[in-house]
Amino acid sequence: MTIDKSLKVKKGVSRSRNVLTRVERIEKMKEMDKWQEGESPFGLPKTRVYRVVLKKKKKAVKADDAAADAKAPAKK
């Protein structure tokens, strides 16, 4: 049985997940040099998931508008 096109998520999960699949945990452990080839994939230790936080950029447009208003002569 297939999923209707309107129900599919195009981007996948856009937020960070706090649960990793077994394969993802093994990949993380390989990156941290904690995985030895030949080990059992069962009973893996918990793996920390770091959230990526992006800082919001300050709006430069408002600063440019304020500077332009200060330079313009006052109208009466």
PDB file of N, CA and C in Angstrom:
ATOM      1  N   MET A   1       0.845  -1.169   0.000  1.00  0.00           N
ATOM      2  CA  MET A   1       0.000   0.000   0.000  1.00  0.00           C
ATOM      3  C   MET A   1       0.894   1.238   0.000  1.00  0.00           C
ATOM      4  N   THR A   2       0.569   2.214  -0.809  1.00  0.00           N
ATOM      5  CA  THR A   2       1.396   3.410  -0.917  1.00  0.00           C
ATOM      6  C   THR A   2       0.739   4.582  -0.200  1.00  0.00           C
ATOM      7  N   ILE A   3       1.540   5.596   0.056  1.00  0.00           N
ATOM      8  CA  ILE A   3       1.056   6.810   0.711  1.00  0.00           C
ATOM      9  C   ILE A   3       0.654   7.807  -0.353  1.00  0.00           C
ATOM     10  N   ASP A   4      -0.459   8.475  -0.144  1.00  0.00           N
ATOM     11  CA  ASP A   4      -0.917   9.489  -1.081  1.00  0.00           C
ATOM     12  C   ASP A   4       0.082  10.639  -1.141  1.00  0.00           C
ATOM     13  N   LYS A   5       0.252  11.256  -2.311  1.00  0.00           N
ATOM     14  CA  LYS A   5       1.223  12.336  -2.492  1.00  0.00           C
ATOM     15  C   LYS A   5       0.977  13.510  -1.548  1.00  0.00           C
ATOM     16  N   SER A   6      -0.270  13.797  -1.250  1.00  0.00           N
ATOM     17  CA  SER A   6      -0.579  14.932  -0.383  1.00  0.00           C
ATOM     18  C   SER A   6      -0.162  14.684   1.065  1.00  0.00           C
ATOM     19  N   LEU A   7       0.036  13.434   1.446  1.00  0.00           N
ATOM     20  CA  LEU A   7       0.392  13.106   2.823  1.00  0.00           C
ATOM     21  C   LEU A   7       1.898  12.987   3.034  1.00  0.00           C
ATOM     22  N   LYS A   8       2.671  12.961   1.962  1.00  0.00           N
ATOM     23  CA  LYS A   8       4.119  12.819   2.085  1.00  0.00           C
ATOM     24  C   LYS A   8       4.742  14.134   2.542  1.00  0.00           C
ATOM     25  N   VAL A   9       5.771  14.013   3.352  1.00  0.00           N
ATOM     26  CA  VAL A   9       6.516  15.180   3.798  1.00  0.00           C
ATOM     27  C   VAL A   9       7.670  15.355   2.825  1.00  0.00           C
ATOM     28  N   LYS A  10       7.773  16.526   2.225  1.00  0.00           N
ATOM     29  CA  LYS A  10       8.772  16.739   1.184  1.00  0.00           C
ATOM     30  C   LYS A  10      10.177  16.871   1.740  1.00  0.00           C
ATOM     31  N   LYS A  11      10.345  17.594   2.817  1.00  0.00           N
ATOM     32  CA  LYS A  11      11.678  17.833   3.370  1.00  0.00           C
ATOM     33  C   LYS A  11      12.085  16.765   4.376  1.00  0.00           C
ATOM     34  N   GLY A  12      11.188  15.967   4.821  1.00  0.00           N
ATOM     35  CA  GLY A  12      11.499  15.058   5.912  1.00  0.00           C
ATOM     36  C   GLY A  12      11.302  15.792   7.217  1.00  0.00           C
ATOM     37  N   VAL A  13      11.992  15.364   8.241  1.00  0.00           N
ATOM     38  CA  VAL A  13      11.871  16.006   9.542  1.00  0.00           C
ATOM     39  C   VAL A  13      12.773  17.230   9.548  1.00  0.00           C
ATOM     40  N   SER A  14      12.206  18.397   9.728  1.00  0.00           N
ATOM     41  CA  SER A  14      12.997  19.621   9.697  1.00  0.00           C
ATOM     42  C   SER A  14      13.562  19.980  11.062  1.00  0.00           C
ATOM     43  N   ARG A  15      13.025  19.434  12.117  1.00  0.00           N
ATOM     44  CA  ARG A  15      13.545  19.725  13.447  1.00  0.00           C
ATOM     45  C   ARG A  15      14.495  18.604  13.872  1.00  0.00           C
ATOM     46  N   SER A  16      15.293  18.866  14.871  1.00  0.00           N
ATOM     47  CA  SER A  16      16.234  17.849  15.327  1.00  0.00           C
ATOM     48  C   SER A  16      15.488  16.791  16.127  1.00  0.00           C
ATOM     49  N   ARG A  17      15.906  15.559  15.969  1.00  0.00           N
ATOM     50  CA  ARG A  17      15.268  14.457  16.683  1.00  0.00           C
ATOM     51  C   ARG A  17      16.114  14.107  17.896  1.00  0.00           C
ATOM     52  N   ASN A  18      15.476  13.585  18.920  1.00  0.00           N
ATOM     53  CA  ASN A  18      16.230  13.194  20.100  1.00  0.00           C
ATOM     54  C   ASN A  18      16.435  11.686  20.163  1.00  0.00           C
ATOM     55  N   VAL A  19      15.970  10.957  19.153  1.00  0.00           N
ATOM     56  CA  VAL A  19      16.148   9.513  19.105  1.00  0.00           C
ATOM     57  C   VAL A  19      16.785   9.178  17.765  1.00  0.00           C
ATOM     58  N   LEU A  20      17.899   8.440  17.814  1.00  0.00           N
ATOM     59  CA  LEU A  20      18.569   8.029  16.590  1.00  0.00           C
ATOM     60  C   LEU A  20      18.287   6.564  16.305  1.00  0.00           C
ATOM     61  N   THR A  21      18.317   6.204  15.027  1.00  0.00           N
ATOM     62  CA  THR A  21      18.178   4.798  14.672  1.00  0.00           C
ATOM     63  C   THR A  21      19.486   4.090  15.005  1.00  0.00           C
ATOM     64  N   ARG A  22      19.470   2.788  14.979  1.00  0.00           N
ATOM     65  CA  ARG A  22      20.665   2.006  15.305  1.00  0.00           C
ATOM     66  C   ARG A  22      21.810   2.348  14.347  1.00  0.00           C
ATOM     67  N   VAL A  23      21.491   2.474  13.065  1.00  0.00           N
ATOM     68  CA  VAL A  23      22.518   2.784  12.058  1.00  0.00           C
ATOM     69  C   VAL A  23      23.117   4.160  12.316  1.00  0.00           C
ATOM     70  N   GLU A  24      22.271   5.135  12.659  1.00  0.00           N
ATOM     71  CA  GLU A  24      22.757   6.481  12.953  1.00  0.00           C
ATOM     72  C   GLU A  24      23.651   6.489  14.191  1.00  0.00           C
ATOM     73  N   ARG A  25      23.292   5.699  15.200  1.00  0.00           N
ATOM     74  CA  ARG A  25      24.113   5.635  16.414  1.00  0.00           C
ATOM     75  C   ARG A  25      25.477   5.029  16.111  1.00  0.00           C
ATOM     76  N   ILE A  26      25.501   3.989  15.265  1.00  0.00           N
ATOM     77  CA  ILE A  26      26.775   3.365  14.899  1.00  0.00           C
ATOM     78  C   ILE A  26      27.635   4.360  14.130  1.00  0.00           C
ATOM     79  N   GLU A  27      27.039   5.134  13.217  1.00  0.00           N
ATOM     80  CA  GLU A  27      27.793   6.144  12.467  1.00  0.00           C
ATOM     81  C   GLU A  27      28.389   7.190  13.407  1.00  0.00           C
ATOM     82  N   LYS A  28      27.596   7.650  14.383  1.00  0.00           N
ATOM     83  CA  LYS A  28      28.097   8.627  15.357  1.00  0.00           C
ATOM     84  C   LYS A  28      29.250   8.044  16.166  1.00  0.00           C
ATOM     85  N   MET A  29      29.124   6.775  16.567  1.00  0.00           N
ATOM     86  CA  MET A  29      30.171   6.131  17.347  1.00  0.00           C
ATOM     87  C   MET A  29      31.441   5.968  16.519  1.00  0.00           C
ATOM     88  N   LYS A  30      31.299   5.717  15.214  1.00  0.00           N
ATOM     89  CA  LYS A  30      32.469   5.629  14.346  1.00  0.00           C
ATOM     90  C   LYS A  30      33.173   6.976  14.265  1.00  0.00           C
ATOM     91  N   GLU A  31      32.407   8.067  14.195  1.00  0.00           N
ATOM     92  CA  GLU A  31      32.989   9.412  14.161  1.00  0.00           C
ATOM     93  C   GLU A  31      33.773   9.707  15.436  1.00  0.00           C
ATOM     94  N   MET A  32      33.267   9.202  16.575  1.00  0.00           N
ATOM     95  CA  MET A  32      33.914   9.448  17.863  1.00  0.00           C
ATOM     96  C   MET A  32      34.948   8.370  18.198  1.00  0.00           C
ATOM     97  N   ASP A  33      35.216   7.457  17.280  1.00  0.00           N
ATOM     98  CA  ASP A  33      36.167   6.350  17.472  1.00  0.00           C
ATOM     99  C   ASP A  33      35.806   5.472  18.668  1.00  0.00           C
ATOM    100  N   LYS A  34      34.508   5.233  18.853  1.00  0.00           N
ATOM    101  CA  LYS A  34      34.053   4.357  19.935  1.00  0.00           C
ATOM    102  C   LYS A  34      33.484   3.045  19.392  1.00  0.00           C
ATOM    103  N   TRP A  35      33.522   2.852  18.091  1.00  0.00           N
ATOM    104  CA  TRP A  35      32.959   1.649  17.480  1.00  0.00           C
ATOM    105  C   TRP A  35      34.074   0.803  16.906  1.00  0.00           C
ATOM    106  N   GLN A  36      34.107  -0.466  17.280  1.00  0.00           N
ATOM    107  CA  GLN A  36      35.057  -1.433  16.747  1.00  0.00           C
ATOM    108  C   GLN A  36      34.317  -2.345  15.780  1.00  0.00           C
ATOM    109  N   GLU A  37      34.889  -2.600  14.612  1.00  0.00           N
ATOM    110  CA  GLU A  37      34.266  -3.504  13.656  1.00  0.00           C
ATOM    111  C   GLU A  37      34.141  -4.892  14.286  1.00  0.00           C
ATOM    112  N   GLY A  38      33.015  -5.520  14.058  1.00  0.00           N
ATOM    113  CA  GLY A  38      32.793  -6.852  14.602  1.00  0.00           C
ATOM    114  C   GLY A  38      32.020  -6.847  15.915  1.00  0.00           C
ATOM    115  N   GLU A  39      31.795  -5.683  16.501  1.00  0.00           N
ATOM    116  CA  GLU A  39      31.006  -5.607  17.731  1.00  0.00           C
ATOM    117  C   GLU A  39      29.540  -5.871  17.427  1.00  0.00           C
ATOM    118  N   SER A  40      28.815  -6.269  18.434  1.00  0.00           N
ATOM    119  CA  SER A  40      27.387  -6.513  18.286  1.00  0.00           C
ATOM    120  C   SER A  40      26.638  -5.187  18.184  1.00  0.00           C
ATOM    121  N   PRO A  41      25.710  -5.070  17.227  1.00  0.00           N
ATOM    122  CA  PRO A  41      24.937  -3.827  17.114  1.00  0.00           C
ATOM    123  C   PRO A  41      23.816  -3.730  18.140  1.00  0.00           C
ATOM    124  N   PHE A  42      23.667  -4.733  18.981  1.00  0.00           N
ATOM    125  CA  PHE A  42      22.627  -4.722  20.005  1.00  0.00           C
ATOM    126  C   PHE A  42      23.194  -4.199  21.322  1.00  0.00           C
ATOM    127  N   GLY A  43      22.363  -3.502  22.075  1.00  0.00           N
ATOM    128  CA  GLY A  43      22.782  -2.986  23.374  1.00  0.00           C
ATOM    129  C   GLY A  43      23.756  -1.824  23.259  1.00  0.00           C
ATOM    130  N   LEU A  44      23.555  -0.991  22.271  1.00  0.00           N
ATOM    131  CA  LEU A  44      24.436   0.159  22.077  1.00  0.00           C
ATOM    132  C   LEU A  44      24.223   1.192  23.184  1.00  0.00           C
ATOM    133  N   PRO A  45      25.264   1.916  23.562  1.00  0.00           N
ATOM    134  CA  PRO A  45      25.087   2.971  24.564  1.00  0.00           C
ATOM    135  C   PRO A  45      24.330   4.141  23.965  1.00  0.00           C
ATOM    136  N   LYS A  46      23.799   4.964  24.846  1.00  0.00           N
ATOM    137  CA  LYS A  46      23.093   6.148  24.384  1.00  0.00           C
ATOM    138  C   LYS A  46      24.082   7.079  23.691  1.00  0.00           C
ATOM    139  N   THR A  47      23.598   7.761  22.672  1.00  0.00           N
ATOM    140  CA  THR A  47      24.432   8.680  21.911  1.00  0.00           C
ATOM    141  C   THR A  47      23.806  10.052  21.978  1.00  0.00           C
ATOM    142  N   ARG A  48      24.590  11.023  22.355  1.00  0.00           N
ATOM    143  CA  ARG A  48      24.112  12.392  22.516  1.00  0.00           C
ATOM    144  C   ARG A  48      23.783  12.994  21.154  1.00  0.00           C
ATOM    145  N   VAL A  49      22.635  13.667  21.066  1.00  0.00           N
ATOM    146  CA  VAL A  49      22.231  14.358  19.849  1.00  0.00           C
ATOM    147  C   VAL A  49      22.359  15.851  20.119  1.00  0.00           C
ATOM    148  N   TYR A  50      23.216  16.495  19.362  1.00  0.00           N
ATOM    149  CA  TYR A  50      23.419  17.931  19.533  1.00  0.00           C
ATOM    150  C   TYR A  50      22.476  18.683  18.629  1.00  0.00           C
ATOM    151  N   ARG A  51      21.812  19.670  19.180  1.00  0.00           N
ATOM    152  CA  ARG A  51      20.894  20.496  18.397  1.00  0.00           C
ATOM    153  C   ARG A  51      21.667  21.617  17.737  1.00  0.00           C
ATOM    154  N   VAL A  52      21.343  21.871  16.496  1.00  0.00           N
ATOM    155  CA  VAL A  52      21.986  22.957  15.774  1.00  0.00           C
ATOM    156  C   VAL A  52      21.105  24.178  15.926  1.00  0.00           C
ATOM    157  N   VAL A  53      21.667  25.231  16.519  1.00  0.00           N
ATOM    158  CA  VAL A  53      20.924  26.460  16.731  1.00  0.00           C
ATOM    159  C   VAL A  53      21.540  27.530  15.841  1.00  0.00           C
ATOM    160  N   LEU A  54      20.732  28.090  14.972  1.00  0.00           N
ATOM    161  CA  LEU A  54      21.198  29.144  14.090  1.00  0.00           C
ATOM    162  C   LEU A  54      20.815  30.491  14.679  1.00  0.00           C
ATOM    163  N   LYS A  55      21.765  31.395  14.720  1.00  0.00           N
ATOM    164  CA  LYS A  55      21.477  32.730  15.224  1.00  0.00           C
ATOM    165  C   LYS A  55      20.740  33.512  14.158  1.00  0.00           C
ATOM    166  N   LYS A  56      19.798  34.312  14.585  1.00  0.00           N
ATOM    167  CA  LYS A  56      19.054  35.140  13.651  1.00  0.00           C
ATOM    168  C   LYS A  56      19.897  36.353  13.286  1.00  0.00           C
ATOM    169  N   LYS A  57      19.890  36.679  12.009  1.00  0.00           N
ATOM    170  CA  LYS A  57      20.644  37.837  11.548  1.00  0.00           C
ATOM    171  C   LYS A  57      19.870  39.101  11.892  1.00  0.00           C
ATOM    172  N   LYS A  58      20.612  40.121  12.289  1.00  0.00           N
ATOM    173  CA  LYS A  58      19.970  41.397  12.570  1.00  0.00           C
ATOM    174  C   LYS A  58      19.559  42.021  11.254  1.00  0.00           C
ATOM    175  N   LYS A  59      18.444  42.692  11.261  1.00  0.00           N
ATOM    176  CA  LYS A  59      17.949  43.286  10.027  1.00  0.00           C
ATOM    177  C   LYS A  59      18.749  44.544   9.715  1.00  0.00           C
ATOM    178  N   ALA A  60      19.538  44.481   8.656  1.00  0.00           N
ATOM    179  CA  ALA A  60      20.373  45.609   8.241  1.00  0.00           C
ATOM    180  C   ALA A  60      19.541  46.652   7.526  1.00  0.00           C
ATOM    181  N   VAL A  61      18.391  46.261   7.011  1.00  0.00           N
ATOM    182  CA  VAL A  61      17.546  47.190   6.269  1.00  0.00           C
ATOM    183  C   VAL A  61      17.047  48.302   7.181  1.00  0.00           C
ATOM    184  N   LYS A  62      16.656  47.976   8.387  1.00  0.00           N
ATOM    185  CA  LYS A  62      16.166  48.990   9.324  1.00  0.00           C
ATOM    186  C   LYS A  62      17.279  49.962   9.693  1.00  0.00           C
ATOM    187  N   ALA A  63      18.488  49.472   9.851  1.00  0.00           N
ATOM    188  CA  ALA A  63      19.609  50.338  10.191  1.00  0.00           C
ATOM    189  C   ALA A  63      19.901  51.285   9.028  1.00  0.00           C
ATOM    190  N   ASP A  64      19.807  50.792   7.796  1.00  0.00           N
ATOM    191  CA  ASP A  64      20.041  51.635   6.625  1.00  0.00           C
ATOM    192  C   ASP A  64      18.957  52.701   6.503  1.00  0.00           C
ATOM    193  N   ASP A  65      17.714  52.353   6.764  1.00  0.00           N
ATOM    194  CA  ASP A  65      16.614  53.311   6.712  1.00  0.00           C
ATOM    195  C   ASP A  65      16.779  54.397   7.773  1.00  0.00           C
ATOM    196  N   ALA A  66      17.203  54.017   8.960  1.00  0.00           N
ATOM    197  CA  ALA A  66      17.394  54.980  10.044  1.00  0.00           C
ATOM    198  C   ALA A  66      18.519  55.949   9.697  1.00  0.00           C
ATOM    199  N   ALA A  67      19.574  55.459   9.083  1.00  0.00           N
ATOM    200  CA  ALA A  67      20.699  56.318   8.692  1.00  0.00           C
ATOM    201  C   ALA A  67      20.268  57.279   7.592  1.00  0.00           C
ATOM    202  N   ALA A  68      19.444  56.821   6.660  1.00  0.00           N
ATOM    203  CA  ALA A  68      18.976  57.664   5.571  1.00  0.00           C
ATOM    204  C   ALA A  68      18.050  58.755   6.104  1.00  0.00           C
ATOM    205  N   ASP A  69      17.221  58.434   7.095  1.00  0.00           N
ATOM    206  CA  ASP A  69      16.315  59.423   7.691  1.00  0.00           C
ATOM    207  C   ASP A  69      17.103  60.498   8.450  1.00  0.00           C
ATOM    208  N   ALA A  70      18.188  60.136   9.068  1.00  0.00           N
ATOM    209  CA  ALA A  70      18.992  61.086   9.834  1.00  0.00           C
ATOM    210  C   ALA A  70      19.701  62.062   8.903  1.00  0.00           C
ATOM    211  N   LYS A  71      20.096  61.619   7.719  1.00  0.00           N
ATOM    212  CA  LYS A  71      20.800  62.478   6.774  1.00  0.00           C
ATOM    213  C   LYS A  71      19.851  63.389   5.994  1.00  0.00           C
ATOM    214  N   ALA A  72      18.611  62.983   5.839  1.00  0.00           N
ATOM    215  CA  ALA A  72      17.659  63.765   5.063  1.00  0.00           C
ATOM    216  C   ALA A  72      17.268  65.036   5.825  1.00  0.00           C
ATOM    217  N   PRO A  73      17.109  66.168   5.124  1.00  0.00           N
ATOM    218  CA  PRO A  73      16.706  67.403   5.808  1.00  0.00           C
ATOM    219  C   PRO A  73      15.269  67.281   6.310  1.00  0.00           C
ATOM    220  N   ALA A  74      14.987  67.940   7.401  1.00  0.00           N
ATOM    221  CA  ALA A  74      13.660  67.901   8.006  1.00  0.00           C
ATOM    222  C   ALA A  74      12.685  68.717   7.163  1.00  0.00           C
ATOM    223  N   LYS A  75      11.520  68.174   6.906  1.00  0.00           N
ATOM    224  CA  LYS A  75      10.496  68.872   6.120  1.00  0.00           C
ATOM    225  C   LYS A  75       9.559  69.608   7.064  1.00  0.00           C
ATOM    226  N   LYS A  76       9.140  70.814   6.652  1.00  0.00           N
ATOM    227  CA  LYS A  76       8.220  71.578   7.502  1.00  0.00           C
ATOM    228  C   LYS A  76       6.891  71.743   6.849  1.00  0.00           C
TER     229      LYS A  76
END
